[in-house]
N, C-alpha and C. Protein backbone atom coordinates (compact mmCIF):
# COMPACT_ATOMS: atom_id res chain seq x y z
N MET A 1 98.61 78.15 90.77
CA MET A 1 98.18 77.54 89.83
C MET A 1 97.17 78.32 89.08
N TYR A 2 96.29 78.89 89.67
CA TYR A 2 95.27 79.93 89.05
C TYR A 2 95.52 81.20 89.45
N ASN A 3 95.45 82.35 88.57
CA ASN A 3 95.51 83.49 88.90
C ASN A 3 94.14 84.07 89.37
N LYS A 4 93.80 84.20 90.57
CA LYS A 4 92.52 84.50 90.86
C LYS A 4 92.45 86.11 91.49
N ASN A 5 91.42 86.68 91.19
CA ASN A 5 91.51 88.06 91.50
C ASN A 5 90.97 87.96 93.10
N THR A 6 91.79 88.34 94.02
CA THR A 6 91.49 88.02 95.36
C THR A 6 90.63 89.38 95.82
N ASP A 7 90.69 90.39 95.27
CA ASP A 7 89.88 91.52 95.65
C ASP A 7 88.35 91.30 95.26
N LYS A 8 88.02 90.67 94.35
CA LYS A 8 86.79 90.26 94.07
C LYS A 8 86.07 89.32 95.03
N ASP A 9 87.17 88.31 95.26
CA ASP A 9 86.70 87.31 96.19
C ASP A 9 86.39 87.70 97.55
N LEU A 10 87.02 88.55 97.85
CA LEU A 10 86.80 89.18 99.38
C LEU A 10 85.70 89.95 99.29
N ILE A 11 85.36 90.61 98.29
CA ILE A 11 84.06 91.47 98.09
C ILE A 11 82.77 90.42 98.10
N GLY A 12 83.03 89.53 97.41
CA GLY A 12 81.91 88.42 97.29
C GLY A 12 81.67 87.85 98.46
N ALA A 13 82.67 87.42 99.31
CA ALA A 13 82.51 86.96 100.58
C ALA A 13 81.75 87.77 101.66
N ALA A 14 82.20 89.10 101.58
CA ALA A 14 81.57 90.08 102.47
C ALA A 14 80.07 90.16 102.14
N LEU A 15 79.83 90.37 100.75
CA LEU A 15 78.54 90.28 100.39
C LEU A 15 77.69 89.21 100.67
N THR A 16 78.13 88.01 100.67
CA THR A 16 77.28 86.80 100.83
C THR A 16 76.84 86.65 102.33
N ALA A 17 77.92 86.97 103.13
CA ALA A 17 77.85 87.02 104.77
C ALA A 17 76.95 88.00 104.99
N ALA A 18 77.17 89.32 104.62
CA ALA A 18 76.04 90.18 104.98
C ALA A 18 74.78 90.09 104.56
N LEU A 19 74.56 89.49 103.31
CA LEU A 19 73.17 89.36 102.86
C LEU A 19 72.59 88.11 103.74
N GLY A 20 73.34 86.89 104.07
CA GLY A 20 72.69 86.07 104.83
C GLY A 20 72.33 86.50 106.23
N ALA A 21 73.30 87.33 106.97
CA ALA A 21 73.16 88.01 108.14
C ALA A 21 71.80 88.84 108.03
N GLY A 22 71.72 89.59 107.06
CA GLY A 22 70.69 90.67 106.79
C GLY A 22 69.22 90.02 106.79
N ILE A 23 69.30 88.98 106.19
CA ILE A 23 67.98 88.32 106.30
C ILE A 23 67.40 87.87 107.57
N VAL A 24 68.43 87.42 108.40
CA VAL A 24 68.15 86.92 109.69
C VAL A 24 67.80 88.25 110.61
N THR A 25 68.43 89.24 110.56
CA THR A 25 68.58 90.31 111.33
C THR A 25 67.40 91.22 110.99
N SER A 26 66.89 91.10 109.55
CA SER A 26 65.66 91.96 109.33
C SER A 26 64.44 91.17 110.18
N PHE A 27 64.54 89.94 110.01
CA PHE A 27 63.39 89.33 110.98
C PHE A 27 63.51 89.66 112.30
N ALA A 28 64.70 89.64 112.88
CA ALA A 28 64.72 89.95 114.28
C ALA A 28 64.31 91.47 114.46
N VAL A 29 64.55 92.37 113.51
CA VAL A 29 64.09 93.83 113.76
C VAL A 29 62.56 93.79 113.77
N SER A 30 61.95 93.01 112.84
CA SER A 30 60.54 92.95 112.82
C SER A 30 59.96 92.45 114.20
N GLN A 31 60.72 91.59 114.92
CA GLN A 31 60.32 91.06 116.11
C GLN A 31 60.67 92.09 117.31
N GLY A 32 61.21 93.23 117.03
CA GLY A 32 61.48 94.17 118.20
C GLY A 32 62.73 94.42 118.30
N GLN A 33 63.94 93.93 117.84
CA GLN A 33 65.29 94.13 117.96
C GLN A 33 65.51 95.46 117.55
N HIS A 34 66.37 96.22 118.25
CA HIS A 34 66.89 97.53 117.84
C HIS A 34 67.66 97.41 116.50
N PRO A 35 67.29 98.35 115.65
CA PRO A 35 67.97 98.23 114.35
C PRO A 35 69.50 98.35 114.25
N LEU A 36 70.13 99.31 115.20
CA LEU A 36 71.64 99.25 115.21
C LEU A 36 72.44 98.07 115.65
N ILE A 37 71.69 97.39 116.55
CA ILE A 37 72.18 96.12 116.94
C ILE A 37 72.14 95.12 115.80
N ALA A 38 71.18 95.15 115.17
CA ALA A 38 70.96 94.28 113.60
C ALA A 38 72.09 94.62 112.81
N LEU A 39 72.41 95.94 112.66
CA LEU A 39 73.34 96.14 111.74
C LEU A 39 74.89 95.84 112.06
N GLY A 40 74.89 95.97 113.52
CA GLY A 40 76.36 95.52 114.05
C GLY A 40 76.41 93.92 113.74
N ILE A 41 75.51 93.12 114.12
CA ILE A 41 75.34 91.69 113.87
C ILE A 41 75.70 91.40 112.38
N THR A 42 75.10 92.20 111.29
CA THR A 42 75.29 92.03 110.08
C THR A 42 76.84 92.38 109.61
N ALA A 43 77.36 93.57 110.02
CA ALA A 43 78.65 93.89 109.92
C ALA A 43 79.56 92.84 110.57
N LEU A 44 79.30 92.41 111.66
CA LEU A 44 80.20 91.46 112.27
C LEU A 44 80.33 90.14 111.40
N ALA A 45 79.05 89.71 111.09
CA ALA A 45 78.99 88.36 110.11
C ALA A 45 79.83 88.53 108.74
N ALA A 46 79.82 89.89 108.35
CA ALA A 46 80.42 90.12 107.06
C ALA A 46 82.06 90.15 107.32
N LEU A 47 82.68 90.70 108.43
CA LEU A 47 83.69 90.53 108.80
C LEU A 47 84.30 89.05 109.05
N PHE A 48 83.60 88.36 109.70
CA PHE A 48 83.95 86.97 109.88
C PHE A 48 84.00 86.31 108.68
N GLY A 49 83.07 86.49 107.74
CA GLY A 49 83.15 85.81 106.31
C GLY A 49 84.39 86.11 105.41
N VAL A 50 84.79 87.53 105.68
CA VAL A 50 85.89 87.87 105.02
C VAL A 50 87.20 87.14 105.62
N ILE A 51 87.24 87.12 107.00
CA ILE A 51 88.37 86.54 107.50
C ILE A 51 88.51 84.97 107.33
N CYS A 52 87.31 84.22 107.24
CA CYS A 52 87.34 83.00 107.07
C CYS A 52 87.78 82.74 105.46
N HIS A 53 87.33 83.53 104.79
CA HIS A 53 87.67 83.40 103.28
C HIS A 53 89.28 83.63 103.10
N LYS A 54 89.66 84.66 103.62
CA LYS A 54 91.19 85.14 103.82
C LYS A 54 92.08 83.97 104.28
N SER A 55 91.53 83.24 105.21
CA SER A 55 92.32 82.14 106.00
C SER A 55 91.98 80.74 105.25
N ASP A 56 91.33 80.80 104.19
CA ASP A 56 90.94 79.44 103.43
C ASP A 56 90.18 78.44 104.35
N LEU A 57 89.35 78.99 105.17
CA LEU A 57 88.79 78.11 106.05
C LEU A 57 87.30 77.67 105.34
N ILE A 58 86.84 78.42 104.45
CA ILE A 58 85.67 78.00 103.65
C ILE A 58 85.98 78.10 102.27
C-alpha cells in the first residue's frame, strides 16, 4: 500500500535501540561495569531492535 524506505526504517530502529540501551549501560559503567560488556549489551539491543522491526513485532 505504501512504498516505505525500509533501509531508513532499519537504521532508525537500530539507532533507537542503541540509544536506549546506551543510556542504561552508561549508568552501569558509571557504577563499575566493564565498558566492553556495556558496548556488547548496546550492540545486542540494537540487533534485537532491528530483528523485531524486520519481523513486524513492533
